[in-house]
Amino acid sequence: MEKDFRPSPNSFKNTFCVFDEMPLDAINHLKIQYNSKSGSTYYYTKSGMFRLSNHWGRLANSKWRLEPLEPETESKFKLGYASWDHFYPDNAIDELYYLEVNFVKKMANYQHKNNPSYNNKAILRTSSDTTKRIKQVRNLLNLTSWAKYFDCDDIDLLRQKIINDLIYTNKTLEEIKKQFS
């Protein structure tokens, strides 16, 4: 009989991970290996972890995000999968995070510097600095009231220039806006 794979209980403390949403039938052949007090269930394999939960984001001392299926599922409980090599260290001190933006979908997220798609161009920031920047970027993406102070015919182009400066420089938002005034 094959022994169940079980990672060390401390494996997930202070980690960042992006899970990919999976269809629920992906765990049909697996048995629950851990039930959390908050109602999440965990299924471990040798290659990675499945997590079935109705909450994602900050979890105790970790940051776990779910990338949704397209089209998005309507269920409140979502199944996510991440391979073991997608769990990266997290702390409040080191500059571990960078921002990425999808201008078409008007979405911004942060990623870990150990992500294989990191191109070493976006500025790395601490968790706290990343949180501040991402809030600014999301406001620029989703609001238009800020643009009334600019003499601009193309708000989307201006938005893209300001956001790119927020991602690729250490300039403050005020400094960036001044250069476009």
Protein backbone atom coordinates (compact mmCIF):
# COMPACT_ATOMS: atom_id res chain seq x y z
CA MET A 1 0.00 0.00 0.00
CA GLU A 2 1.37 3.42 -0.99
CA LYS A 3 1.93 5.76 1.95
CA ASP A 4 0.18 9.17 1.85
CA PHE A 5 2.45 12.08 1.04
CA ARG A 6 2.36 14.68 3.81
CA PRO A 7 4.54 17.79 3.88
CA SER A 8 6.05 19.16 7.07
CA PRO A 9 3.50 21.17 9.09
CA ASN A 10 5.77 24.22 8.95
CA SER A 11 6.23 24.06 5.14
CA PHE A 12 3.63 26.74 4.48
CA LYS A 13 4.44 29.28 7.17
CA ASN A 14 5.45 32.67 5.78
CA THR A 15 4.93 31.75 2.14
CA PHE A 16 3.55 33.38 -0.97
CA CYS A 17 1.86 31.21 -3.57
CA VAL A 18 -0.38 31.62 -6.61
CA PHE A 19 -2.77 28.71 -7.06
CA ASP A 20 -4.48 27.93 -10.36
CA GLU A 21 -8.18 27.22 -10.11
CA MET A 22 -9.05 23.68 -11.15
CA PRO A 23 -12.33 21.88 -11.83
CA LEU A 24 -13.67 20.11 -8.74
CA ASP A 25 -13.34 16.69 -10.35
CA ALA A 26 -9.53 17.05 -10.15
CA ILE A 27 -9.70 15.78 -6.56
CA ASN A 28 -12.15 12.91 -7.12
CA HIS A 29 -9.39 10.33 -6.66
CA LEU A 30 -7.80 12.05 -3.64
CA LYS A 31 -8.64 11.90 0.03
CA ILE A 32 -8.72 14.89 2.37
CA GLN A 33 -5.50 15.08 4.34
CA TYR A 34 -6.19 18.18 6.37
CA ASN A 35 -9.27 20.17 7.39
CA SER A 36 -8.60 23.68 8.69
CA LYS A 37 -10.64 25.34 11.43
CA SER A 38 -11.85 27.85 8.82
CA GLY A 39 -13.36 25.12 6.61
CA SER A 40 -10.66 24.71 3.96
CA THR A 41 -9.67 21.20 2.91
CA TYR A 42 -6.24 20.18 1.71
CA TYR A 43 -5.15 17.35 -0.57
CA TYR A 44 -1.42 16.68 -0.89
CA THR A 45 0.34 14.94 -3.73
CA LYS A 46 4.02 14.39 -4.42
CA SER A 47 3.92 17.16 -7.02
CA GLY A 48 1.84 19.76 -5.17
CA MET A 49 -1.20 20.75 -3.14
CA PHE A 50 -4.90 21.10 -3.86
CA ARG A 51 -6.84 23.46 -1.61
CA LEU A 52 -10.63 23.71 -1.57
CA SER A 53 -11.72 26.93 0.10
CA ASN A 54 -14.11 29.85 0.08
CA HIS A 55 -11.41 32.33 1.08
CA TRP A 56 -8.11 33.25 -0.54
CA GLY A 57 -5.56 36.00 0.06
CA ARG A 58 -3.99 36.55 3.43
CA LEU A 59 -4.05 33.34 5.46
CA ALA A 60 -2.58 33.55 8.94
CA ASN A 61 1.08 34.19 8.10
CA SER A 62 0.94 33.49 4.36
CA LYS A 63 -0.29 35.11 1.15
CA TRP A 64 -2.06 32.67 -1.16
CA ARG A 65 -3.89 33.91 -4.24
CA LEU A 66 -6.15 32.04 -6.62
CA GLU A 67 -6.00 32.65 -10.36
CA PRO A 68 -9.55 31.95 -11.54
CA LEU A 69 -10.64 29.74 -14.39
CA GLU A 70 -11.99 31.51 -17.44
CA PRO A 71 -14.89 31.79 -17.54
CA GLU A 72 -15.04 32.16 -13.77
CA THR A 73 -16.96 29.58 -11.78
CA GLU A 74 -19.92 30.77 -9.74
CA SER A 75 -19.29 28.50 -6.76
CA LYS A 76 -18.13 30.19 -3.56
CA PHE A 77 -15.83 27.25 -2.88
CA LYS A 78 -12.94 27.16 -5.32
CA LEU A 79 -10.38 24.44 -5.85
CA GLY A 80 -6.83 25.63 -6.37
CA TYR A 81 -3.67 23.74 -7.23
CA ALA A 82 -0.03 24.75 -6.77
CA SER A 83 3.08 22.69 -7.29
CA TRP A 84 5.54 22.63 -4.41
CA ASP A 85 8.05 24.76 -6.29
CA HIS A 86 5.53 27.64 -6.45
CA PHE A 87 5.64 28.29 -2.69
CA TYR A 88 8.04 31.19 -2.14
CA PRO A 89 9.36 32.69 1.12
CA ASP A 90 7.56 35.74 2.50
CA ASN A 91 8.50 38.29 5.12
CA ALA A 92 7.86 41.97 5.85
CA ILE A 93 11.48 43.11 5.55
CA ASP A 94 12.89 41.97 2.21
CA GLU A 95 12.02 43.41 -1.19
CA LEU A 96 10.29 40.34 -2.58
CA TYR A 97 7.41 41.64 -4.69
CA TYR A 98 6.80 43.36 -7.99
CA LEU A 99 3.65 44.56 -9.72
CA GLU A 100 2.21 43.37 -12.99
CA VAL A 101 -0.71 44.92 -14.85
CA ASN A 102 -3.13 43.74 -17.50
CA PHE A 103 -4.34 46.99 -19.07
CA VAL A 104 -6.96 45.23 -21.20
CA LYS A 105 -8.67 43.61 -18.21
CA LYS A 106 -7.84 46.58 -15.94
CA MET A 107 -6.30 44.28 -13.38
CA ALA A 108 -3.19 44.61 -11.24
CA ASN A 109 -1.53 42.03 -9.03
CA TYR A 110 1.70 41.49 -7.24
CA GLN A 111 4.09 38.63 -7.88
CA HIS A 112 7.08 37.19 -6.07
CA LYS A 113 10.60 37.77 -7.38
CA ASN A 114 11.16 33.99 -7.50
CA ASN A 115 8.38 33.67 -10.05
CA PRO A 116 10.07 32.29 -13.22
CA SER A 117 8.37 34.97 -15.35
CA TYR A 118 10.01 37.86 -13.45
CA ASN A 119 12.12 39.81 -15.96
CA ASN A 120 14.17 41.84 -13.44
CA LYS A 121 12.74 45.11 -14.80
CA ALA A 122 9.89 45.89 -12.39
CA ILE A 123 11.09 47.38 -9.10
CA LEU A 124 11.06 44.98 -6.16
CA ARG A 125 9.38 46.24 -3.00
CA THR A 126 8.57 45.11 0.53
CA SER A 127 5.08 43.79 1.30
CA SER A 128 4.04 47.13 2.79
CA ASP A 129 5.35 49.21 -0.14
CA THR A 130 3.77 46.77 -2.59
CA THR A 131 0.39 47.12 -0.89
CA LYS A 132 0.56 50.92 -1.19
CA ARG A 133 1.59 50.84 -4.85
CA ILE A 134 -0.98 48.29 -5.89
CA LYS A 135 -3.73 50.38 -4.33
CA GLN A 136 -2.56 53.39 -6.35
CA VAL A 137 -2.39 51.35 -9.56
CA ARG A 138 -5.85 49.86 -9.06
CA ASN A 139 -7.30 53.33 -8.43
CA LEU A 140 -5.70 54.62 -11.62
CA LEU A 141 -7.04 51.64 -13.56
CA ASN A 142 -10.60 51.83 -12.29
CA LEU A 143 -11.29 55.50 -11.58
CA THR A 144 -11.32 58.53 -13.86
CA SER A 145 -11.68 61.41 -11.40
CA TRP A 146 -7.88 61.76 -11.12
CA ALA A 147 -7.65 62.56 -14.86
CA LYS A 148 -9.62 65.82 -14.66
CA TYR A 149 -6.43 67.57 -13.53
CA PHE A 150 -4.64 66.74 -16.78
CA ASP A 151 -4.96 68.26 -20.22
CA CYS A 152 -5.17 64.95 -22.03
CA ASP A 153 -7.04 63.58 -25.01
CA ASP A 154 -6.23 59.91 -24.34
CA ILE A 155 -6.82 58.89 -20.72
CA ASP A 156 -5.84 55.27 -21.44
CA LEU A 157 -2.43 56.30 -22.73
CA LEU A 158 -1.88 58.64 -19.76
CA ARG A 159 -3.03 55.89 -17.38
CA GLN A 160 -0.56 53.46 -18.92
CA LYS A 161 2.37 55.91 -18.69
CA ILE A 162 1.67 56.74 -15.03
CA ILE A 163 1.19 53.09 -14.04
CA ASN A 164 4.35 52.01 -15.85
CA ASP A 165 6.28 54.64 -13.89
CA LEU A 166 4.77 53.28 -10.68
CA ILE A 167 5.94 49.79 -11.63
CA TYR A 168 9.37 50.54 -13.11
CA THR A 169 10.59 53.47 -10.98
CA ASN A 170 10.78 54.51 -7.35
CA LYS A 171 9.14 57.86 -8.06
CA THR A 172 6.15 58.75 -5.91
CA LEU A 173 2.75 59.07 -7.54
CA GLU A 174 2.91 62.82 -6.95
CA GLU A 175 6.28 63.06 -8.73
CA ILE A 176 4.95 61.04 -11.65
CA LYS A 177 1.80 63.11 -11.98
CA LYS A 178 3.85 66.34 -11.95
CA GLN A 179 5.84 65.24 -14.97
CA PHE A 180 2.61 64.81 -16.94
CA SER A 181 0.95 68.04 -15.78
